[in-house]
Amino acid sequence: MTNLEAVEVQQRFAEVLALVGEGQKRVVIESDGQQVAAVISYADLKRLEALEDAKDLLNFQRAVAESDGESYSVEEVIAHYNKINNTDFTKEKILND
């Protein structure tokens, strides 16, 4: 992994993309010495998303196994959220946002 300041990434953007795209490096972008972002290959991104999906599935399966059989519709969850947060979300707004 390579750490670069944001200004250097701007100056060497094509080179950074080539290194990352070829899977040779991951680049951490720093601003004022603080790590603020990373540039990773598309393959790395897909692997990360697959891991997140697997984790979400395991959490869902665990929640179902631990539930008492009671369930709520999406609309009921949104209505409850709106009530306690004084918002006006709808399923359509969320899906189309």
N, C-alpha and C. Protein backbone atom coordinates (compact mmCIF):
# COMPACT_ATOMS: atom_id res chain seq x y z
N MET A 1 0.85 -1.16 0.00
CA MET A 1 0.00 0.00 0.00
C MET A 1 0.90 1.23 0.00
N THR A 2 0.48 2.22 -0.74
CA THR A 2 1.24 3.46 -0.88
C THR A 2 0.42 4.62 -0.34
N ASN A 3 1.04 5.45 0.47
CA ASN A 3 0.38 6.66 0.97
C ASN A 3 0.89 7.86 0.18
N LEU A 4 -0.03 8.67 -0.32
CA LEU A 4 0.34 9.87 -1.06
C LEU A 4 -0.52 11.03 -0.59
N GLU A 5 0.06 12.22 -0.59
CA GLU A 5 -0.71 13.42 -0.30
C GLU A 5 -1.64 13.71 -1.48
N ALA A 6 -2.77 14.31 -1.19
CA ALA A 6 -3.78 14.58 -2.22
C ALA A 6 -3.20 15.37 -3.39
N VAL A 7 -2.35 16.34 -3.10
CA VAL A 7 -1.74 17.15 -4.16
C VAL A 7 -0.92 16.28 -5.09
N GLU A 8 -0.17 15.33 -4.53
CA GLU A 8 0.64 14.44 -5.35
C GLU A 8 -0.24 13.52 -6.19
N VAL A 9 -1.35 13.06 -5.62
CA VAL A 9 -2.27 12.22 -6.38
C VAL A 9 -2.81 13.00 -7.58
N GLN A 10 -3.15 14.27 -7.36
CA GLN A 10 -3.63 15.10 -8.46
C GLN A 10 -2.58 15.21 -9.56
N GLN A 11 -1.34 15.41 -9.16
CA GLN A 11 -0.26 15.58 -10.13
C GLN A 11 0.06 14.29 -10.88
N ARG A 12 -0.13 13.16 -10.21
CA ARG A 12 0.26 11.86 -10.78
C ARG A 12 -0.97 10.97 -11.02
N PHE A 13 -2.11 11.58 -11.29
CA PHE A 13 -3.37 10.84 -11.35
C PHE A 13 -3.32 9.68 -12.34
N ALA A 14 -2.85 9.91 -13.54
CA ALA A 14 -2.80 8.84 -14.55
C ALA A 14 -1.91 7.69 -14.08
N GLU A 15 -0.79 8.02 -13.47
CA GLU A 15 0.13 7.00 -12.95
C GLU A 15 -0.52 6.21 -11.82
N VAL A 16 -1.21 6.92 -10.92
CA VAL A 16 -1.89 6.26 -9.80
C VAL A 16 -2.95 5.30 -10.34
N LEU A 17 -3.75 5.76 -11.30
CA LEU A 17 -4.78 4.90 -11.88
C LEU A 17 -4.17 3.67 -12.54
N ALA A 18 -3.06 3.86 -13.23
CA ALA A 18 -2.41 2.72 -13.89
C ALA A 18 -1.93 1.70 -12.87
N LEU A 19 -1.30 2.16 -11.80
CA LEU A 19 -0.81 1.24 -10.76
C LEU A 19 -1.96 0.50 -10.09
N VAL A 20 -3.00 1.24 -9.77
CA VAL A 20 -4.14 0.63 -9.09
C VAL A 20 -4.90 -0.29 -10.04
N GLY A 21 -5.11 0.16 -11.25
CA GLY A 21 -5.86 -0.62 -12.23
C GLY A 21 -5.20 -1.94 -12.57
N GLU A 22 -3.90 -1.96 -12.55
CA GLU A 22 -3.17 -3.20 -12.83
C GLU A 22 -3.10 -4.10 -11.61
N GLY A 23 -3.67 -3.64 -10.50
CA GLY A 23 -3.68 -4.44 -9.29
C GLY A 23 -2.34 -4.48 -8.57
N GLN A 24 -1.44 -3.58 -8.94
CA GLN A 24 -0.12 -3.57 -8.32
C GLN A 24 -0.12 -2.88 -6.95
N LYS A 25 -0.97 -1.89 -6.78
CA LYS A 25 -0.93 -1.09 -5.56
C LYS A 25 -2.33 -0.69 -5.13
N ARG A 26 -2.43 -0.35 -3.87
CA ARG A 26 -3.57 0.37 -3.31
C ARG A 26 -3.00 1.68 -2.81
N VAL A 27 -3.69 2.77 -3.04
CA VAL A 27 -3.16 4.08 -2.68
C VAL A 27 -4.07 4.72 -1.64
N VAL A 28 -3.46 5.10 -0.53
CA VAL A 28 -4.17 5.84 0.51
C VAL A 28 -3.86 7.31 0.29
N ILE A 29 -4.91 8.11 0.21
CA ILE A 29 -4.75 9.54 -0.02
C ILE A 29 -4.81 10.26 1.32
N GLU A 30 -3.81 11.10 1.54
CA GLU A 30 -3.73 11.86 2.78
C GLU A 30 -3.89 13.35 2.49
N SER A 31 -4.47 14.03 3.46
CA SER A 31 -4.58 15.48 3.39
C SER A 31 -4.15 16.01 4.74
N ASP A 32 -3.15 16.84 4.74
CA ASP A 32 -2.57 17.36 5.99
C ASP A 32 -2.19 16.23 6.94
N GLY A 33 -1.64 15.16 6.38
CA GLY A 33 -1.17 14.05 7.20
C GLY A 33 -2.25 13.09 7.68
N GLN A 34 -3.51 13.36 7.35
CA GLN A 34 -4.63 12.50 7.76
C GLN A 34 -5.07 11.64 6.58
N GLN A 35 -5.29 10.36 6.82
CA GLN A 35 -5.79 9.48 5.77
C GLN A 35 -7.27 9.80 5.52
N VAL A 36 -7.60 10.17 4.28
CA VAL A 36 -8.96 10.61 3.98
C VAL A 36 -9.67 9.76 2.93
N ALA A 37 -8.93 9.03 2.13
CA ALA A 37 -9.57 8.24 1.07
C ALA A 37 -8.59 7.18 0.58
N ALA A 38 -9.10 6.30 -0.26
CA ALA A 38 -8.23 5.28 -0.86
C ALA A 38 -8.65 5.05 -2.30
N VAL A 39 -7.67 4.71 -3.11
CA VAL A 39 -7.93 4.32 -4.49
C VAL A 39 -7.57 2.84 -4.58
N ILE A 40 -8.56 2.04 -4.96
CA ILE A 40 -8.35 0.60 -5.07
C ILE A 40 -8.81 0.14 -6.45
N SER A 41 -8.38 -1.03 -6.84
CA SER A 41 -8.79 -1.55 -8.14
C SER A 41 -10.27 -1.93 -8.11
N TYR A 42 -10.84 -2.01 -9.30
CA TYR A 42 -12.24 -2.42 -9.41
C TYR A 42 -12.42 -3.84 -8.86
N ALA A 43 -11.45 -4.70 -9.09
CA ALA A 43 -11.52 -6.08 -8.56
C ALA A 43 -11.55 -6.07 -7.03
N ASP A 44 -10.73 -5.21 -6.42
CA ASP A 44 -10.75 -5.08 -4.96
C ASP A 44 -12.10 -4.58 -4.47
N LEU A 45 -12.67 -3.62 -5.19
CA LEU A 45 -13.99 -3.10 -4.82
C LEU A 45 -15.04 -4.20 -4.87
N LYS A 46 -15.02 -5.01 -5.92
CA LYS A 46 -16.01 -6.09 -6.04
C LYS A 46 -15.83 -7.11 -4.92
N ARG A 47 -14.58 -7.41 -4.54
CA ARG A 47 -14.35 -8.34 -3.42
C ARG A 47 -14.87 -7.75 -2.12
N LEU A 48 -14.64 -6.46 -1.91
CA LEU A 48 -15.13 -5.79 -0.71
C LEU A 48 -16.65 -5.81 -0.66
N GLU A 49 -17.29 -5.53 -1.78
CA GLU A 49 -18.75 -5.57 -1.83
C GLU A 49 -19.28 -6.98 -1.56
N ALA A 50 -18.61 -7.99 -2.08
CA ALA A 50 -19.02 -9.38 -1.83
C ALA A 50 -18.91 -9.71 -0.35
N LEU A 51 -17.84 -9.25 0.29
CA LEU A 51 -17.69 -9.47 1.74
C LEU A 51 -18.80 -8.77 2.52
N GLU A 52 -19.12 -7.53 2.13
CA GLU A 52 -20.19 -6.80 2.79
C GLU A 52 -21.53 -7.50 2.60
N ASP A 53 -21.78 -8.00 1.39
CA ASP A 53 -23.02 -8.73 1.13
C ASP A 53 -23.11 -9.99 1.99
N ALA A 54 -22.00 -10.71 2.10
CA ALA A 54 -21.98 -11.92 2.92
C ALA A 54 -22.24 -11.59 4.39
N LYS A 55 -21.64 -10.51 4.86
CA LYS A 55 -21.86 -10.08 6.25
C LYS A 55 -23.32 -9.70 6.46
N ASP A 56 -23.89 -8.95 5.52
CA ASP A 56 -25.30 -8.57 5.62
C ASP A 56 -26.20 -9.80 5.66
N LEU A 57 -25.91 -10.78 4.83
CA LEU A 57 -26.70 -12.01 4.80
C LEU A 57 -26.60 -12.74 6.13
N LEU A 58 -25.40 -12.85 6.68
CA LEU A 58 -25.23 -13.51 7.98
C LEU A 58 -25.99 -12.77 9.07
N ASN A 59 -25.92 -11.44 9.06
CA ASN A 59 -26.67 -10.66 10.05
C ASN A 59 -28.16 -10.86 9.90
N PHE A 60 -28.65 -10.91 8.66
CA PHE A 60 -30.07 -11.15 8.42
C PHE A 60 -30.47 -12.53 8.92
N GLN A 61 -29.67 -13.53 8.58
CA GLN A 61 -29.99 -14.90 9.02
C GLN A 61 -29.99 -14.99 10.55
N ARG A 62 -29.05 -14.33 11.19
CA ARG A 62 -29.00 -14.32 12.65
C ARG A 62 -30.25 -13.63 13.22
N ALA A 63 -30.64 -12.52 12.63
CA ALA A 63 -31.82 -11.80 13.11
C ALA A 63 -33.08 -12.64 12.96
N VAL A 64 -33.21 -13.33 11.84
CA VAL A 64 -34.38 -14.19 11.63
C VAL A 64 -34.38 -15.31 12.65
N ALA A 65 -33.23 -15.92 12.89
CA ALA A 65 -33.14 -17.02 13.85
C ALA A 65 -33.47 -16.57 15.26
N GLU A 66 -33.14 -15.32 15.59
CA GLU A 66 -33.37 -14.81 16.94
C GLU A 66 -34.75 -14.17 17.10
N SER A 67 -35.48 -13.99 16.01
CA SER A 67 -36.77 -13.32 16.10
C SER A 67 -37.82 -14.23 16.72
N ASP A 68 -38.86 -13.60 17.21
CA ASP A 68 -39.95 -14.36 17.81
C ASP A 68 -41.06 -14.63 16.80
N GLY A 69 -40.75 -14.45 15.53
CA GLY A 69 -41.73 -14.68 14.48
C GLY A 69 -42.49 -13.44 14.08
N GLU A 70 -42.39 -12.38 14.88
CA GLU A 70 -43.08 -11.14 14.56
C GLU A 70 -42.28 -10.39 13.49
N SER A 71 -43.00 -9.88 12.52
CA SER A 71 -42.31 -9.12 11.47
C SER A 71 -43.11 -7.86 11.15
N TYR A 72 -42.46 -6.94 10.48
CA TYR A 72 -43.07 -5.67 10.13
C TYR A 72 -42.85 -5.41 8.65
N SER A 73 -43.82 -4.79 8.02
CA SER A 73 -43.66 -4.43 6.62
C SER A 73 -42.73 -3.22 6.51
N VAL A 74 -42.22 -3.02 5.31
CA VAL A 74 -41.37 -1.86 5.07
C VAL A 74 -42.13 -0.58 5.38
N GLU A 75 -43.39 -0.55 4.98
CA GLU A 75 -44.21 0.64 5.23
C GLU A 75 -44.36 0.91 6.73
N GLU A 76 -44.54 -0.15 7.53
CA GLU A 76 -44.65 0.03 8.98
C GLU A 76 -43.36 0.57 9.58
N VAL A 77 -42.24 0.06 9.11
CA VAL A 77 -40.95 0.53 9.61
C VAL A 77 -40.75 2.00 9.25
N ILE A 78 -41.07 2.37 8.01
CA ILE A 78 -40.93 3.76 7.58
C ILE A 78 -41.86 4.66 8.38
N ALA A 79 -43.10 4.23 8.59
CA ALA A 79 -44.05 5.04 9.36
C ALA A 79 -43.54 5.26 10.78
N HIS A 80 -43.02 4.22 11.40
CA HIS A 80 -42.48 4.35 12.76
C HIS A 80 -41.28 5.30 12.76
N TYR A 81 -40.40 5.15 11.80
CA TYR A 81 -39.24 6.04 11.70
C TYR A 81 -39.70 7.48 11.53
N ASN A 82 -40.66 7.71 10.63
CA ASN A 82 -41.18 9.06 10.42
C ASN A 82 -41.76 9.64 11.70
N LYS A 83 -42.46 8.82 12.45
CA LYS A 83 -43.10 9.29 13.68
C LYS A 83 -42.05 9.73 14.71
N ILE A 84 -41.02 8.92 14.91
CA ILE A 84 -40.06 9.27 15.96
C ILE A 84 -39.04 10.31 15.51
N ASN A 85 -38.90 10.51 14.20
CA ASN A 85 -37.92 11.48 13.69
C ASN A 85 -38.55 12.69 13.01
N ASN A 86 -39.87 12.75 13.02
CA ASN A 86 -40.60 13.86 12.41
C ASN A 86 -40.15 14.08 10.95
N THR A 87 -40.15 12.99 10.19
CA THR A 87 -39.78 13.04 8.77
C THR A 87 -40.97 12.57 7.94
N ASP A 88 -40.83 12.63 6.64
CA ASP A 88 -41.93 12.20 5.77
C ASP A 88 -41.45 11.28 4.64
N PHE A 89 -40.56 10.36 4.98
CA PHE A 89 -40.09 9.40 3.98
C PHE A 89 -41.23 8.49 3.53
N THR A 90 -41.15 8.07 2.28
CA THR A 90 -42.04 7.03 1.77
C THR A 90 -41.15 5.99 1.09
N LYS A 91 -41.71 4.84 0.87
CA LYS A 91 -40.96 3.78 0.19
C LYS A 91 -40.53 4.26 -1.20
N GLU A 92 -41.43 4.96 -1.88
CA GLU A 92 -41.14 5.45 -3.22
C GLU A 92 -40.01 6.48 -3.21
N LYS A 93 -40.05 7.40 -2.24
CA LYS A 93 -38.98 8.40 -2.14
C LYS A 93 -37.63 7.74 -1.92
N ILE A 94 -37.61 6.73 -1.06
CA ILE A 94 -36.36 6.05 -0.75
C ILE A 94 -35.84 5.31 -1.97
N LEU A 95 -36.72 4.62 -2.68
CA LEU A 95 -36.31 3.85 -3.85
C LEU A 95 -35.87 4.73 -5.01
N ASN A 96 -36.48 5.91 -5.12
CA ASN A 96 -36.19 6.79 -6.26
C ASN A 96 -35.15 7.85 -5.96
N ASP A 97 -34.63 7.87 -4.76
CA ASP A 97 -33.66 8.90 -4.38
C ASP A 97 -32.29 8.59 -4.92
